[in-house]
Amino acid sequence: GSGGSKRRDRENQDGILGGPAPVSPPSPAGARLPGHVCMEVESQTRRRVQAMQGGQAQAKERVLRQLLGLVCAPHPQLHPNYGPGP
């Protein structure tokens, strides 16, 4: 019944059945990056993001040129499977 459920809840709170979830200790103060290192990491990250965005923009331009070339300069041709009927 419900009495067993309440007992289990109380036992879990008391740590008898597995106890509370482990808590990670706080980071020591020395684990923080010095200001100049943090600024350098941010600068490198910013450069990498800009390079990725530039590469994406170049690829986008190339794809758009190819697509427009296919759409705007069609070459009339028959599909290889098209042929006279039986």
PDB file of N, CA and C in Angstrom:
ATOM      1  N   GLY A   1       0.799  -1.176   0.000  1.00  0.00           N
ATOM      2  CA  GLY A   1       0.000   0.000   0.000  1.00  0.00           C
ATOM      3  C   GLY A   1       0.850   1.252   0.000  1.00  0.00           C
ATOM      4  N   SER A   2       0.251   2.345   0.435  1.00  0.00           N
ATOM      5  CA  SER A   2       0.935   3.627   0.410  1.00  0.00           C
ATOM      6  C   SER A   2       1.932   3.749   1.563  1.00  0.00           C
ATOM      7  N   GLY A   3       1.770   2.943   2.621  1.00  0.00           N
ATOM      8  CA  GLY A   3       2.693   3.008   3.752  1.00  0.00           C
ATOM      9  C   GLY A   3       4.104   2.616   3.352  1.00  0.00           C
ATOM     10  N   GLY A   4       4.230   1.594   2.501  1.00  0.00           N
ATOM     11  CA  GLY A   4       5.555   1.171   2.043  1.00  0.00           C
ATOM     12  C   GLY A   4       6.212   2.224   1.183  1.00  0.00           C
ATOM     13  N   SER A   5       5.408   2.915   0.378  1.00  0.00           N
ATOM     14  CA  SER A   5       5.930   3.962  -0.493  1.00  0.00           C
ATOM     15  C   SER A   5       6.495   5.113   0.333  1.00  0.00           C
ATOM     16  N   LYS A   6       5.761   5.498   1.403  1.00  0.00           N
ATOM     17  CA  LYS A   6       6.228   6.585   2.261  1.00  0.00           C
ATOM     18  C   LYS A   6       7.521   6.188   2.966  1.00  0.00           C
ATOM     19  N   ARG A   7       7.589   4.926   3.366  1.00  0.00           N
ATOM     20  CA  ARG A   7       8.797   4.453   4.048  1.00  0.00           C
ATOM     21  C   ARG A   7      10.000   4.498   3.108  1.00  0.00           C
ATOM     22  N   ARG A   8       9.776   4.058   1.856  1.00  0.00           N
ATOM     23  CA  ARG A   8      10.872   4.088   0.878  1.00  0.00           C
ATOM     24  C   ARG A   8      11.339   5.522   0.633  1.00  0.00           C
ATOM     25  N   ASP A   9      10.387   6.460   0.529  1.00  0.00           N
ATOM     26  CA  ASP A   9      10.757   7.854   0.320  1.00  0.00           C
ATOM     27  C   ASP A   9      11.598   8.372   1.476  1.00  0.00           C
ATOM     28  N   ARG A  10      11.175   8.046   2.717  1.00  0.00           N
ATOM     29  CA  ARG A  10      11.907   8.500   3.897  1.00  0.00           C
ATOM     30  C   ARG A  10      13.297   7.865   3.916  1.00  0.00           C
ATOM     31  N   GLU A  11      13.398   6.580   3.549  1.00  0.00           N
ATOM     32  CA  GLU A  11      14.693   5.902   3.545  1.00  0.00           C
ATOM     33  C   GLU A  11      15.605   6.521   2.490  1.00  0.00           C
ATOM     34  N   ASN A  12      15.049   6.882   1.320  1.00  0.00           N
ATOM     35  CA  ASN A  12      15.858   7.531   0.289  1.00  0.00           C
ATOM     36  C   ASN A  12      16.391   8.871   0.776  1.00  0.00           C
ATOM     37  N   GLN A  13      15.543   9.629   1.501  1.00  0.00           N
ATOM     38  CA  GLN A  13      15.973  10.922   2.011  1.00  0.00           C
ATOM     39  C   GLN A  13      17.077  10.747   3.052  1.00  0.00           C
ATOM     40  N   ASP A  14      16.986   9.680   3.834  1.00  0.00           N
ATOM     41  CA  ASP A  14      17.978   9.436   4.872  1.00  0.00           C
ATOM     42  C   ASP A  14      19.263   8.845   4.308  1.00  0.00           C
ATOM     43  N   GLY A  15      19.281   8.498   3.024  1.00  0.00           N
ATOM     44  CA  GLY A  15      20.480   7.957   2.428  1.00  0.00           C
ATOM     45  C   GLY A  15      20.631   6.469   2.584  1.00  0.00           C
ATOM     46  N   ILE A  16      19.586   5.775   3.031  1.00  0.00           N
ATOM     47  CA  ILE A  16      19.692   4.334   3.244  1.00  0.00           C
ATOM     48  C   ILE A  16      19.664   3.596   1.914  1.00  0.00           C
ATOM     49  N   LEU A  17      18.822   4.020   0.980  1.00  0.00           N
ATOM     50  CA  LEU A  17      18.716   3.350  -0.311  1.00  0.00           C
ATOM     51  C   LEU A  17      19.453   4.146  -1.384  1.00  0.00           C
ATOM     52  N   GLY A  18      20.747   4.086  -1.392  1.00  0.00           N
ATOM     53  CA  GLY A  18      21.507   4.745  -2.436  1.00  0.00           C
ATOM     54  C   GLY A  18      21.977   6.132  -2.073  1.00  0.00           C
ATOM     55  N   GLY A  19      21.319   6.794  -1.196  1.00  0.00           N
ATOM     56  CA  GLY A  19      21.747   8.115  -0.771  1.00  0.00           C
ATOM     57  C   GLY A  19      21.518   9.177  -1.824  1.00  0.00           C
ATOM     58  N   PRO A  20      21.856  10.383  -1.496  1.00  0.00           N
ATOM     59  CA  PRO A  20      21.660  11.477  -2.436  1.00  0.00           C
ATOM     60  C   PRO A  20      22.656  11.386  -3.593  1.00  0.00           C
ATOM     61  N   ALA A  21      22.318  12.038  -4.682  1.00  0.00           N
ATOM     62  CA  ALA A  21      23.214  12.040  -5.838  1.00  0.00           C
ATOM     63  C   ALA A  21      24.502  12.756  -5.459  1.00  0.00           C
ATOM     64  N   PRO A  22      25.637  12.267  -5.976  1.00  0.00           N
ATOM     65  CA  PRO A  22      26.909  12.917  -5.649  1.00  0.00           C
ATOM     66  C   PRO A  22      26.950  14.324  -6.229  1.00  0.00           C
ATOM     67  N   VAL A  23      27.558  15.223  -5.496  1.00  0.00           N
ATOM     68  CA  VAL A  23      27.685  16.605  -5.923  1.00  0.00           C
ATOM     69  C   VAL A  23      29.147  16.859  -6.213  1.00  0.00           C
ATOM     70  N   SER A  24      29.440  17.422  -7.412  1.00  0.00           N
ATOM     71  CA  SER A  24      30.836  17.688  -7.753  1.00  0.00           C
ATOM     72  C   SER A  24      31.332  18.868  -6.924  1.00  0.00           C
ATOM     73  N   PRO A  25      32.576  18.790  -6.497  1.00  0.00           N
ATOM     74  CA  PRO A  25      33.114  19.880  -5.680  1.00  0.00           C
ATOM     75  C   PRO A  25      33.285  21.137  -6.535  1.00  0.00           C
ATOM     76  N   PRO A  26      33.223  22.304  -5.914  1.00  0.00           N
ATOM     77  CA  PRO A  26      33.408  23.528  -6.685  1.00  0.00           C
ATOM     78  C   PRO A  26      34.824  23.592  -7.241  1.00  0.00           C
ATOM     79  N   SER A  27      34.975  24.282  -8.366  1.00  0.00           N
ATOM     80  CA  SER A  27      36.289  24.422  -8.983  1.00  0.00           C
ATOM     81  C   SER A  27      37.198  25.236  -8.078  1.00  0.00           C
ATOM     82  N   PRO A  28      38.449  24.823  -7.961  1.00  0.00           N
ATOM     83  CA  PRO A  28      39.376  25.627  -7.167  1.00  0.00           C
ATOM     84  C   PRO A  28      39.622  26.962  -7.859  1.00  0.00           C
ATOM     85  N   ALA A  29      39.945  27.985  -7.101  1.00  0.00           N
ATOM     86  CA  ALA A  29      40.143  29.324  -7.657  1.00  0.00           C
ATOM     87  C   ALA A  29      41.268  29.328  -8.683  1.00  0.00           C
ATOM     88  N   GLY A  30      42.271  28.489  -8.529  1.00  0.00           N
ATOM     89  CA  GLY A  30      43.397  28.438  -9.457  1.00  0.00           C
ATOM     90  C   GLY A  30      43.039  27.831 -10.799  1.00  0.00           C
ATOM     91  N   ALA A  31      41.845  27.236 -10.949  1.00  0.00           N
ATOM     92  CA  ALA A  31      41.455  26.601 -12.202  1.00  0.00           C
ATOM     93  C   ALA A  31      40.999  27.622 -13.238  1.00  0.00           C
ATOM     94  N   ARG A  32      40.776  28.841 -12.847  1.00  0.00           N
ATOM     95  CA  ARG A  32      40.345  29.875 -13.785  1.00  0.00           C
ATOM     96  C   ARG A  32      41.519  30.279 -14.670  1.00  0.00           C
ATOM     97  N   LEU A  33      41.193  30.635 -15.908  1.00  0.00           N
ATOM     98  CA  LEU A  33      42.229  31.093 -16.829  1.00  0.00           C
ATOM     99  C   LEU A  33      42.594  32.533 -16.512  1.00  0.00           C
ATOM    100  N   PRO A  34      43.886  32.856 -16.601  1.00  0.00           N
ATOM    101  CA  PRO A  34      44.262  34.264 -16.438  1.00  0.00           C
ATOM    102  C   PRO A  34      43.630  35.088 -17.554  1.00  0.00           C
ATOM    103  N   GLY A  35      43.459  36.369 -17.316  1.00  0.00           N
ATOM    104  CA  GLY A  35      42.791  37.256 -18.257  1.00  0.00           C
ATOM    105  C   GLY A  35      43.385  37.223 -19.650  1.00  0.00           C
ATOM    106  N   HIS A  36      44.716  37.253 -19.771  1.00  0.00           N
ATOM    107  CA  HIS A  36      45.337  37.280 -21.093  1.00  0.00           C
ATOM    108  C   HIS A  36      45.112  35.975 -21.849  1.00  0.00           C
ATOM    109  N   VAL A  37      45.083  34.857 -21.141  1.00  0.00           N
ATOM    110  CA  VAL A  37      44.832  33.569 -21.791  1.00  0.00           C
ATOM    111  C   VAL A  37      43.386  33.503 -22.272  1.00  0.00           C
ATOM    112  N   CYS A  38      42.480  33.981 -21.447  1.00  0.00           N
ATOM    113  CA  CYS A  38      41.069  33.993 -21.811  1.00  0.00           C
ATOM    114  C   CYS A  38      40.850  34.877 -23.039  1.00  0.00           C
ATOM    115  N   MET A  39      41.499  36.026 -23.066  1.00  0.00           N
ATOM    116  CA  MET A  39      41.369  36.933 -24.217  1.00  0.00           C
ATOM    117  C   MET A  39      41.935  36.285 -25.483  1.00  0.00           C
ATOM    118  N   GLU A  40      43.027  35.557 -25.352  1.00  0.00           N
ATOM    119  CA  GLU A  40      43.632  34.888 -26.514  1.00  0.00           C
ATOM    120  C   GLU A  40      42.711  33.785 -27.034  1.00  0.00           C
ATOM    121  N   VAL A  41      42.102  33.021 -26.128  1.00  0.00           N
ATOM    122  CA  VAL A  41      41.166  31.974 -26.530  1.00  0.00           C
ATOM    123  C   VAL A  41      39.977  32.594 -27.258  1.00  0.00           C
ATOM    124  N   GLU A  42      39.445  33.685 -26.735  1.00  0.00           N
ATOM    125  CA  GLU A  42      38.323  34.363 -27.384  1.00  0.00           C
ATOM    126  C   GLU A  42      38.719  34.877 -28.759  1.00  0.00           C
ATOM    127  N   SER A  43      39.929  35.429 -28.875  1.00  0.00           N
ATOM    128  CA  SER A  43      40.410  35.947 -30.152  1.00  0.00           C
ATOM    129  C   SER A  43      40.553  34.823 -31.181  1.00  0.00           C
ATOM    130  N   GLN A  44      41.134  33.709 -30.772  1.00  0.00           N
ATOM    131  CA  GLN A  44      41.274  32.561 -31.679  1.00  0.00           C
ATOM    132  C   GLN A  44      39.911  32.037 -32.099  1.00  0.00           C
ATOM    133  N   THR A  45      38.987  31.958 -31.156  1.00  0.00           N
ATOM    134  CA  THR A  45      37.638  31.476 -31.467  1.00  0.00           C
ATOM    135  C   THR A  45      36.968  32.406 -32.463  1.00  0.00           C
ATOM    136  N   ARG A  46      37.094  33.703 -32.243  1.00  0.00           N
ATOM    137  CA  ARG A  46      36.495  34.681 -33.150  1.00  0.00           C
ATOM    138  C   ARG A  46      37.071  34.529 -34.559  1.00  0.00           C
ATOM    139  N   ARG A  47      38.397  34.350 -34.678  1.00  0.00           N
ATOM    140  CA  ARG A  47      39.036  34.170 -35.997  1.00  0.00           C
ATOM    141  C   ARG A  47      38.536  32.901 -36.672  1.00  0.00           C
ATOM    142  N   ARG A  48      38.413  31.824 -35.919  1.00  0.00           N
ATOM    143  CA  ARG A  48      37.938  30.561 -36.496  1.00  0.00           C
ATOM    144  C   ARG A  48      36.505  30.670 -36.989  1.00  0.00           C
ATOM    145  N   VAL A  49      35.648  31.319 -36.215  1.00  0.00           N
ATOM    146  CA  VAL A  49      34.251  31.490 -36.613  1.00  0.00           C
ATOM    147  C   VAL A  49      34.178  32.335 -37.878  1.00  0.00           C
ATOM    148  N   GLN A  50      34.966  33.414 -37.941  1.00  0.00           N
ATOM    149  CA  GLN A  50      34.973  34.264 -39.133  1.00  0.00           C
ATOM    150  C   GLN A  50      35.459  33.481 -40.352  1.00  0.00           C
ATOM    151  N   ALA A  51      36.466  32.635 -40.181  1.00  0.00           N
ATOM    152  CA  ALA A  51      36.961  31.825 -41.292  1.00  0.00           C
ATOM    153  C   ALA A  51      35.897  30.845 -41.771  1.00  0.00           C
ATOM    154  N   MET A  52      35.192  30.229 -40.831  1.00  0.00           N
ATOM    155  CA  MET A  52      34.123  29.294 -41.210  1.00  0.00           C
ATOM    156  C   MET A  52      33.006  30.016 -41.940  1.00  0.00           C
ATOM    157  N   GLN A  53      32.638  31.202 -41.454  1.00  0.00           N
ATOM    158  CA  GLN A  53      31.577  31.965 -42.103  1.00  0.00           C
ATOM    159  C   GLN A  53      32.010  32.398 -43.502  1.00  0.00           C
ATOM    160  N   GLY A  54      33.273  32.781 -43.668  1.00  0.00           N
ATOM    161  CA  GLY A  54      33.780  33.162 -44.984  1.00  0.00           C
ATOM    162  C   GLY A  54      33.767  31.985 -45.941  1.00  0.00           C
ATOM    163  N   GLY A  55      34.177  30.813 -45.477  1.00  0.00           N
ATOM    164  CA  GLY A  55      34.151  29.605 -46.308  1.00  0.00           C
ATOM    165  C   GLY A  55      32.737  29.231 -46.700  1.00  0.00           C
ATOM    166  N   GLN A  56      31.816  29.394 -45.783  1.00  0.00           N
ATOM    167  CA  GLN A  56      30.414  29.086 -46.065  1.00  0.00           C
ATOM    168  C   GLN A  56      29.870  30.052 -47.103  1.00  0.00           C
ATOM    169  N   ALA A  57      30.237  31.321 -47.010  1.00  0.00           N
ATOM    170  CA  ALA A  57      29.763  32.315 -47.974  1.00  0.00           C
ATOM    171  C   ALA A  57      30.315  32.025 -49.371  1.00  0.00           C
ATOM    172  N   GLN A  58      31.586  31.626 -49.453  1.00  0.00           N
ATOM    173  CA  GLN A  58      32.177  31.290 -50.751  1.00  0.00           C
ATOM    174  C   GLN A  58      31.486  30.074 -51.358  1.00  0.00           C
ATOM    175  N   ALA A  59      31.234  29.071 -50.559  1.00  0.00           N
ATOM    176  CA  ALA A  59      30.564  27.867 -51.059  1.00  0.00           C
ATOM    177  C   ALA A  59      29.151  28.207 -51.518  1.00  0.00           C
ATOM    178  N   LYS A  60      28.487  29.067 -50.799  1.00  0.00           N
ATOM    179  CA  LYS A  60      27.127  29.477 -51.155  1.00  0.00           C
ATOM    180  C   LYS A  60      27.137  30.182 -52.511  1.00  0.00           C
ATOM    181  N   GLU A  61      28.095  31.071 -52.729  1.00  0.00           N
ATOM    182  CA  GLU A  61      28.208  31.764 -54.013  1.00  0.00           C
ATOM    183  C   GLU A  61      28.428  30.767 -55.148  1.00  0.00           C
ATOM    184  N   ARG A  62      29.307  29.818 -54.946  1.00  0.00           N
ATOM    185  CA  ARG A  62      29.609  28.816 -55.973  1.00  0.00           C
ATOM    186  C   ARG A  62      28.365  27.984 -56.308  1.00  0.00           C
ATOM    187  N   VAL A  63      27.646  27.560 -55.295  1.00  0.00           N
ATOM    188  CA  VAL A  63      26.445  26.749 -55.499  1.00  0.00           C
ATOM    189  C   VAL A  63      25.377  27.564 -56.229  1.00  0.00           C
ATOM    190  N   LEU A  64      25.201  28.819 -55.841  1.00  0.00           N
ATOM    191  CA  LEU A  64      24.208  29.660 -56.502  1.00  0.00           C
ATOM    192  C   LEU A  64      24.562  29.887 -57.975  1.00  0.00           C
ATOM    193  N   ARG A  65      25.854  30.102 -58.274  1.00  0.00           N
ATOM    194  CA  ARG A  65      26.277  30.263 -59.673  1.00  0.00           C
ATOM    195  C   ARG A  65      25.991  29.006 -60.482  1.00  0.00           C
ATOM    196  N   GLN A  66      26.286  27.839 -59.913  1.00  0.00           N
ATOM    197  CA  GLN A  66      26.014  26.580 -60.615  1.00  0.00           C
ATOM    198  C   GLN A  66      24.517  26.399 -60.840  1.00  0.00           C
ATOM    199  N   LEU A  67      23.722  26.690 -59.833  1.00  0.00           N
ATOM    200  CA  LEU A  67      22.276  26.540 -59.944  1.00  0.00           C
ATOM    201  C   LEU A  67      21.708  27.490 -61.000  1.00  0.00           C
ATOM    202  N   LEU A  68      22.138  28.746 -60.956  1.00  0.00           N
ATOM    203  CA  LEU A  68      21.657  29.703 -61.949  1.00  0.00           C
ATOM    204  C   LEU A  68      22.106  29.306 -63.355  1.00  0.00           C
ATOM    205  N   GLY A  69      23.295  28.745 -63.469  1.00  0.00           N
ATOM    206  CA  GLY A  69      23.767  28.273 -64.772  1.00  0.00           C
ATOM    207  C   GLY A  69      22.881  27.163 -65.314  1.00  0.00           C
ATOM    208  N   LEU A  70      22.452  26.269 -64.467  1.00  0.00           N
ATOM    209  CA  LEU A  70      21.571  25.182 -64.902  1.00  0.00           C
ATOM    210  C   LEU A  70      20.184  25.687 -65.255  1.00  0.00           C
ATOM    211  N   VAL A  71      19.681  26.641 -64.489  1.00  0.00           N
ATOM    212  CA  VAL A  71      18.321  27.135 -64.691  1.00  0.00           C
ATOM    213  C   VAL A  71      18.248  28.110 -65.863  1.00  0.00           C
ATOM    214  N   CYS A  72      19.216  28.996 -65.965  1.00  0.00           N
ATOM    215  CA  CYS A  72      19.155  30.066 -66.967  1.00  0.00           C
ATOM    216  C   CYS A  72      19.737  29.675 -68.321  1.00  0.00           C
ATOM    217  N   ALA A  73      20.495  28.638 -68.407  1.00  0.00           N
ATOM    218  CA  ALA A  73      21.088  28.230 -69.682  1.00  0.00           C
ATOM    219  C   ALA A  73      20.751  26.762 -69.946  1.00  0.00           C
ATOM    220  N   PRO A  74      19.485  26.463 -70.152  1.00  0.00           N
ATOM    221  CA  PRO A  74      19.120  25.058 -70.370  1.00  0.00           C
ATOM    222  C   PRO A  74      19.620  24.562 -71.725  1.00  0.00           C
ATOM    223  N   HIS A  75      19.963  23.315 -71.775  1.00  0.00           N
ATOM    224  CA  HIS A  75      20.414  22.672 -73.008  1.00  0.00           C
ATOM    225  C   HIS A  75      19.345  21.660 -73.398  1.00  0.00           C
ATOM    226  N   PRO A  76      18.670  21.903 -74.530  1.00  0.00           N
ATOM    227  CA  PRO A  76      17.613  20.965 -74.921  1.00  0.00           C
ATOM    228  C   PRO A  76      18.206  19.593 -75.240  1.00  0.00           C
ATOM    229  N   GLN A  77      17.666  18.586 -74.617  1.00  0.00           N
ATOM    230  CA  GLN A  77      18.114  17.222 -74.876  1.00  0.00           C
ATOM    231  C   GLN A  77      17.021  16.262 -74.446  1.00  0.00           C
ATOM    232  N   LEU A  78      17.031  15.111 -75.015  1.00  0.00           N
ATOM    233  CA  LEU A  78      16.064  14.080 -74.664  1.00  0.00           C
ATOM    234  C   LEU A  78      16.661  13.187 -73.600  1.00  0.00           C
ATOM    235  N   HIS A  79      15.821  12.689 -72.733  1.00  0.00           N
ATOM    236  CA  HIS A  79      16.266  11.765 -71.705  1.00  0.00           C
ATOM    237  C   HIS A  79      16.681  10.463 -72.380  1.00  0.00           C
ATOM    238  N   PRO A  80      17.770   9.806 -71.905  1.00  0.00           N
ATOM    239  CA  PRO A  80      18.228   8.569 -72.547  1.00  0.00           C
ATOM    240  C   PRO A  80      17.167   7.466 -72.584  1.00  0.00           C
ATOM    241  N   ASN A  81      16.229   7.461 -71.639  1.00  0.00           N
ATOM    242  CA  ASN A  81      15.200   6.431 -71.606  1.00  0.00           C
ATOM    243  C   ASN A  81      14.067   6.721 -72.604  1.00  0.00           C
ATOM    244  N   TYR A  82      14.042   7.933 -73.178  1.00  0.00           N
ATOM    245  CA  TYR A  82      12.970   8.270 -74.101  1.00  0.00           C
ATOM    246  C   TYR A  82      13.281   7.655 -75.441  1.00  0.00           C
ATOM    247  N   GLY A  83      12.344   6.982 -76.001  1.00  0.00           N
ATOM    248  CA  GLY A  83      12.532   6.376 -77.323  1.00  0.00           C
ATOM    249  C   GLY A  83      11.197   6.017 -77.925  1.00  0.00           C
ATOM    250  N   PRO A  84      11.229   5.586 -79.123  1.00  0.00           N
ATOM    251  CA  PRO A  84       9.972   5.210 -79.766  1.00  0.00           C
ATOM    252  C   PRO A  84       9.342   4.036 -79.036  1.00  0.00           C
ATOM    253  N   GLY A  85       8.044   4.039 -79.003  1.00  0.00           N
ATOM    254  CA  GLY A  85       7.315   2.972 -78.318  1.00  0.00           C
ATOM    255  C   GLY A  85       7.413   1.663 -79.078  1.00  0.00           C
ATOM    256  N   PRO A  86       6.899   0.570 -78.524  1.00  0.00           N
ATOM    257  CA  PRO A  86       7.009  -0.746 -79.176  1.00  0.00           C
ATOM    258  C   PRO A  86       6.218  -0.886 -80.445  1.00  0.00           C
TER     259      PRO A  86
END
